[in-house]
Amino acid sequence: MCTYSTEKLALAKSSGKGPDGWFPLETATVYYDHPVHAPDEHTVNIDFLNPGRGPGARVAVELSLDSAKELLAALAVTVERAAEH
């Protein structure tokens, strides 16, 4: 694999749902790389993790570039609206 760009951030007060149910998230890694499952040659990938809970405490997402742009726009609108409350 040849990761082209990687951003890693710490997460606070966040949760994810895996095969064993909900768990606290500690980190998110966002990167552009070859996907494992999605049909595109490259995707924007997001891994939400809690490393202390082992490999099962992971939520992985592979998005086409267009879907990632749409998600980014939706997040921006939602966060802006939430800040008004």
Protein backbone atom coordinates (compact mmCIF):
# COMPACT_ATOMS: atom_id res chain seq x y z
CA MET A 1 0.00 0.00 0.00
CA CYS A 2 1.14 3.53 -0.73
CA THR A 3 -0.56 6.03 1.55
CA TYR A 4 -0.55 9.46 -0.06
CA SER A 5 -1.66 11.63 2.84
CA THR A 6 -2.38 10.82 6.47
CA GLU A 7 -3.93 12.88 9.26
CA LYS A 8 -4.26 11.46 12.76
CA LEU A 9 -6.22 13.06 15.57
CA ALA A 10 -7.20 12.35 19.14
CA LEU A 11 -10.92 12.07 19.80
CA ALA A 12 -12.68 13.15 22.99
CA LYS A 13 -16.13 12.09 24.14
CA SER A 14 -16.71 9.95 21.05
CA SER A 15 -18.10 6.44 20.51
CA GLY A 16 -18.17 3.85 17.77
CA LYS A 17 -20.13 0.66 17.27
CA GLY A 18 -18.36 -2.55 16.33
CA PRO A 19 -19.27 -6.23 16.28
CA ASP A 20 -19.33 -6.35 20.10
CA GLY A 21 -21.38 -3.16 20.54
CA TRP A 22 -20.49 0.40 21.45
CA PHE A 23 -17.01 1.41 22.64
CA PRO A 24 -15.20 4.70 23.35
CA LEU A 25 -13.10 6.05 20.46
CA GLU A 26 -9.64 7.45 21.14
CA THR A 27 -8.23 8.24 17.69
CA ALA A 28 -9.19 8.77 14.08
CA THR A 29 -6.86 8.33 11.13
CA VAL A 30 -7.85 9.86 7.80
CA TYR A 31 -5.86 8.90 4.73
CA TYR A 32 -5.96 8.60 0.94
CA ASP A 33 -4.91 5.16 -0.24
CA HIS A 34 -5.90 1.97 -2.04
CA PRO A 35 -9.10 0.56 -0.50
CA VAL A 36 -9.56 -2.96 0.79
CA HIS A 37 -13.19 -3.32 -0.28
CA ALA A 38 -14.49 -0.24 -2.15
CA PRO A 39 -14.47 -0.51 -5.97
CA ASP A 40 -12.35 2.63 -6.63
CA GLU A 41 -8.59 2.53 -7.22
CA HIS A 42 -8.06 5.05 -4.39
CA THR A 43 -10.37 6.18 -1.59
CA VAL A 44 -10.46 8.48 1.39
CA ASN A 45 -10.29 6.11 4.34
CA ILE A 46 -11.17 6.80 7.96
CA ASP A 47 -10.24 4.48 10.81
CA PHE A 48 -11.88 5.20 14.15
CA LEU A 49 -9.97 3.34 16.87
CA ASN A 50 -9.53 2.50 20.51
CA PRO A 51 -6.09 0.83 20.46
CA GLY A 52 -6.31 -0.18 24.11
CA ARG A 53 -9.24 -2.48 23.34
CA GLY A 54 -7.51 -4.44 20.59
CA PRO A 55 -8.15 -4.83 16.84
CA GLY A 56 -11.90 -5.37 17.28
CA ALA A 57 -12.31 -1.81 18.54
CA ARG A 58 -12.14 -0.30 15.05
CA VAL A 59 -14.65 1.23 12.69
CA ALA A 60 -13.23 1.47 9.16
CA VAL A 61 -14.73 3.55 6.33
CA GLU A 62 -13.70 3.76 2.65
CA LEU A 63 -15.22 6.65 0.69
CA SER A 64 -14.97 7.63 -2.95
CA LEU A 65 -13.50 11.10 -3.38
CA ASP A 66 -16.94 12.47 -4.32
CA SER A 67 -18.57 10.87 -1.28
CA ALA A 68 -15.81 12.23 0.98
CA LYS A 69 -16.40 15.74 -0.38
CA GLU A 70 -20.15 15.41 0.21
CA LEU A 71 -19.56 14.10 3.74
CA LEU A 72 -17.17 16.98 4.45
CA ALA A 73 -19.77 19.51 3.32
CA ALA A 74 -22.50 17.82 5.38
CA LEU A 75 -20.26 17.79 8.45
CA ALA A 76 -19.46 21.49 8.02
CA VAL A 77 -23.17 22.40 7.80
CA THR A 78 -24.09 20.20 10.76
CA VAL A 79 -21.27 21.50 12.98
CA GLU A 80 -22.14 25.10 12.09
CA ARG A 81 -25.81 24.52 12.97
CA ALA A 82 -24.88 22.71 16.20
CA ALA A 83 -22.71 25.66 17.27
CA GLU A 84 -25.83 27.85 17.16
CA HIS A 85 -27.58 25.79 19.86
